[in-house]
Amino acid sequence: TVLGRILLSGLSMAELKALYPESKLQAFTPKTPANLKALMALIEQDQQKGYGLSMGGFETGISTIAAPVFNQHGQVTAAISITVPSARIQDADVEPLVQPLGIALLPCNVEEPSSLEHWVDAAVQQMGSIDFVIHSIAWAPLEDLHGRVTDSSASGFARAMDISCHSF
């Protein structure tokens, strides 16, 4: 998926080979990259543009635009996307959707109440007001990011819920 490409964008070819030791990748549509070289080429295009675009690469009939979310160290830690039926978006419609907002990203450690307060104050100062907030935190301790969601520890789940719910 294009979201997967964005999340893989910090990896080298050697790291991709370790993740995908097969010579061929599973094809979901005729537009799915068939091998690691093709996948890496798409990842490099995404990096150059600052976003990824898939017009039927995973599922025929849908188009997805995805962008990276960086942490304070400049590493891709998440991705956001817009998915629409392919018939509803033309090439000319993509560019306005991927233009930078022209505002600085504001770091926020949601585990620290003072950081949340600072974020709100800085956001109001930068933008004048906050009309709405989209809250979407999907976080878990690194040691719990393996296997099925039911394999996560109770303490990891509790911490993830506390961070997600408290920050809201």
Protein backbone atom coordinates (compact mmCIF):
# COMPACT_ATOMS: atom_id res chain seq x y z
CA THR A 1 0.00 0.00 0.00
CA VAL A 2 1.08 3.60 -0.36
CA LEU A 3 0.86 3.98 3.43
CA GLY A 4 3.27 1.06 3.71
CA ARG A 5 5.65 2.70 1.25
CA ILE A 6 5.66 5.88 3.30
CA LEU A 7 6.35 3.93 6.51
CA LEU A 8 9.18 1.99 4.81
CA SER A 9 10.80 5.17 3.46
CA GLY A 10 13.48 5.31 6.15
CA LEU A 11 14.84 1.87 5.30
CA SER A 12 17.79 1.00 3.09
CA MET A 13 17.62 -1.62 0.34
CA ALA A 14 19.43 -4.06 2.66
CA GLU A 15 16.80 -3.50 5.37
CA LEU A 16 14.00 -3.98 2.81
CA LYS A 17 15.65 -7.24 1.67
CA ALA A 18 15.68 -8.42 5.28
CA LEU A 19 11.95 -7.67 5.57
CA TYR A 20 11.08 -9.15 2.17
CA PRO A 21 13.54 -11.97 1.39
CA GLU A 22 11.35 -13.28 -1.46
CA SER A 23 12.44 -12.39 -5.00
CA LYS A 24 8.86 -11.46 -5.98
CA LEU A 25 6.34 -9.41 -4.03
CA GLN A 26 2.69 -10.42 -3.83
CA ALA A 27 0.69 -8.66 -6.55
CA PHE A 28 -2.73 -7.34 -5.58
CA THR A 29 -3.34 -5.50 -8.87
CA PRO A 30 -1.36 -5.07 -12.10
CA LYS A 31 -0.02 -1.81 -10.60
CA THR A 32 1.50 -3.45 -7.49
CA PRO A 33 5.33 -3.38 -7.53
CA ALA A 34 6.51 -6.87 -8.47
CA ASN A 35 9.91 -6.82 -6.72
CA LEU A 36 12.04 -4.88 -4.25
CA LYS A 37 13.72 -2.80 -6.96
CA ALA A 38 10.32 -1.57 -8.17
CA LEU A 39 9.18 -0.96 -4.58
CA MET A 40 12.35 1.01 -3.78
CA ALA A 41 11.85 3.11 -6.94
CA LEU A 42 8.34 4.04 -5.78
CA ILE A 43 9.61 4.83 -2.26
CA GLU A 44 12.30 7.11 -3.72
CA GLN A 45 9.69 8.90 -5.87
CA ASP A 46 7.52 9.39 -2.77
CA GLN A 47 10.48 10.85 -0.87
CA GLN A 48 11.29 13.28 -3.69
CA LYS A 49 7.68 14.49 -3.91
CA GLY A 50 7.06 14.51 -0.15
CA TYR A 51 3.98 12.31 -0.53
CA GLY A 52 2.92 9.04 -2.10
CA LEU A 53 0.17 8.41 -4.62
CA SER A 54 -1.41 5.10 -5.54
CA MET A 55 -4.02 4.90 -8.26
CA GLY A 56 -5.12 1.29 -7.96
CA GLY A 57 -1.82 -0.08 -6.66
CA PHE A 58 -3.37 -2.16 -3.91
CA GLU A 59 -7.04 -2.29 -4.82
CA THR A 60 -8.48 -1.54 -8.24
CA GLY A 61 -10.91 1.36 -8.19
CA ILE A 62 -9.42 3.36 -5.31
CA SER A 63 -6.80 6.08 -5.20
CA THR A 64 -4.81 6.99 -2.10
CA ILE A 65 -2.61 9.96 -1.33
CA ALA A 66 -0.37 9.44 1.71
CA ALA A 67 2.10 11.69 3.51
CA PRO A 68 4.68 11.01 6.19
CA VAL A 69 4.45 12.20 9.77
CA PHE A 70 7.87 12.93 11.24
CA ASN A 71 9.03 12.88 14.85
CA GLN A 72 11.24 15.57 16.35
CA HIS A 73 14.32 13.77 14.93
CA GLY A 74 13.03 13.89 11.35
CA GLN A 75 12.21 10.17 11.24
CA VAL A 76 9.00 8.90 9.68
CA THR A 77 6.92 7.53 12.55
CA ALA A 78 3.46 7.50 11.02
CA ALA A 79 1.57 8.28 7.84
CA ILE A 80 -1.73 9.93 7.02
CA SER A 81 -3.80 9.39 3.92
CA ILE A 82 -6.87 10.27 1.91
CA THR A 83 -8.56 7.48 -0.04
CA VAL A 84 -11.24 8.08 -2.66
CA PRO A 85 -12.86 6.12 -5.48
CA SER A 86 -10.57 6.47 -8.52
CA ALA A 87 -13.44 7.75 -10.63
CA ARG A 88 -13.74 10.79 -8.33
CA ILE A 89 -10.18 12.07 -8.61
CA GLN A 90 -8.26 13.21 -11.68
CA ASP A 91 -4.55 13.96 -11.90
CA ALA A 92 -5.28 17.72 -11.69
CA ASP A 93 -7.11 17.17 -8.38
CA VAL A 94 -4.07 15.68 -6.63
CA GLU A 95 -1.80 18.74 -6.52
CA PRO A 96 -4.07 20.97 -4.37
CA LEU A 97 -4.44 18.13 -1.86
CA VAL A 98 -0.70 17.78 -1.31
CA GLN A 99 0.28 21.44 -0.98
CA PRO A 100 1.96 22.32 2.32
CA LEU A 101 -0.26 24.10 4.81
CA GLY A 102 2.35 26.79 5.39
CA ILE A 103 2.43 26.31 9.16
CA ALA A 104 5.12 24.84 11.33
CA LEU A 105 4.55 21.50 12.99
CA LEU A 106 4.33 21.75 16.72
CA PRO A 107 5.90 18.96 18.78
CA CYS A 108 3.83 17.57 21.60
CA ASN A 109 4.63 14.81 24.07
CA VAL A 110 1.11 13.74 25.02
CA GLU A 111 2.42 12.01 28.15
CA GLU A 112 3.29 15.40 29.65
CA PRO A 113 0.35 17.69 30.53
CA SER A 114 2.57 20.78 30.27
CA SER A 115 3.45 19.79 26.71
CA LEU A 116 -0.25 19.62 25.79
CA GLU A 117 -0.83 23.06 27.29
CA HIS A 118 2.20 24.46 25.45
CA TRP A 119 0.93 22.95 22.17
CA VAL A 120 -2.48 24.63 22.52
CA ASP A 121 -0.90 28.00 23.38
CA ALA A 122 1.60 27.76 20.48
CA ALA A 123 -1.11 26.66 18.02
CA VAL A 124 -3.35 29.60 18.94
CA GLN A 125 -0.40 32.00 18.68
CA GLN A 126 0.63 30.61 15.28
CA MET A 127 -2.83 30.32 13.72
CA GLY A 128 -4.86 32.89 15.63
CA SER A 129 -7.44 30.36 16.77
CA ILE A 130 -8.24 26.69 16.67
CA ASP A 131 -11.52 25.96 14.92
CA PHE A 132 -11.29 22.18 15.20
CA VAL A 133 -8.81 19.46 16.04
CA ILE A 134 -8.50 16.07 14.44
CA HIS A 135 -7.34 13.71 17.14
CA SER A 136 -5.84 10.47 15.96
CA ILE A 137 -3.19 8.86 18.07
CA ALA A 138 -2.37 5.24 17.46
CA TRP A 139 0.48 4.50 19.83
CA ALA A 140 1.82 1.48 21.63
CA PRO A 141 5.07 0.61 23.39
CA LEU A 142 7.61 -0.71 20.89
CA GLU A 143 7.89 -4.05 22.66
CA ASP A 144 4.14 -4.60 22.10
CA LEU A 145 4.26 -3.95 18.36
CA HIS A 146 4.58 -7.55 17.28
CA GLY A 147 2.16 -10.28 16.38
CA ARG A 148 -1.55 -9.83 16.91
CA VAL A 149 -3.08 -6.98 18.90
CA THR A 150 -4.22 -9.58 21.43
CA ASP A 151 -0.54 -10.42 22.06
CA SER A 152 0.15 -6.99 23.57
CA SER A 153 0.77 -6.80 27.29
CA ALA A 154 -1.90 -5.53 29.67
CA SER A 155 0.45 -2.79 30.90
CA GLY A 156 1.27 -1.75 27.30
CA PHE A 157 -2.42 -1.64 26.40
CA ALA A 158 -3.21 0.40 29.52
CA ARG A 159 -0.42 2.90 28.73
CA ALA A 160 -1.58 3.20 25.10
CA MET A 161 -5.15 3.86 26.24
CA ASP A 162 -4.01 6.39 28.83
CA ILE A 163 -1.95 8.31 26.26
CA SER A 164 -4.64 8.22 23.58
CA CYS A 165 -7.58 9.06 25.84
CA HIS A 166 -5.84 11.62 28.06
CA SER A 167 -4.48 13.55 25.11
CA PHE A 168 -7.99 13.88 23.71
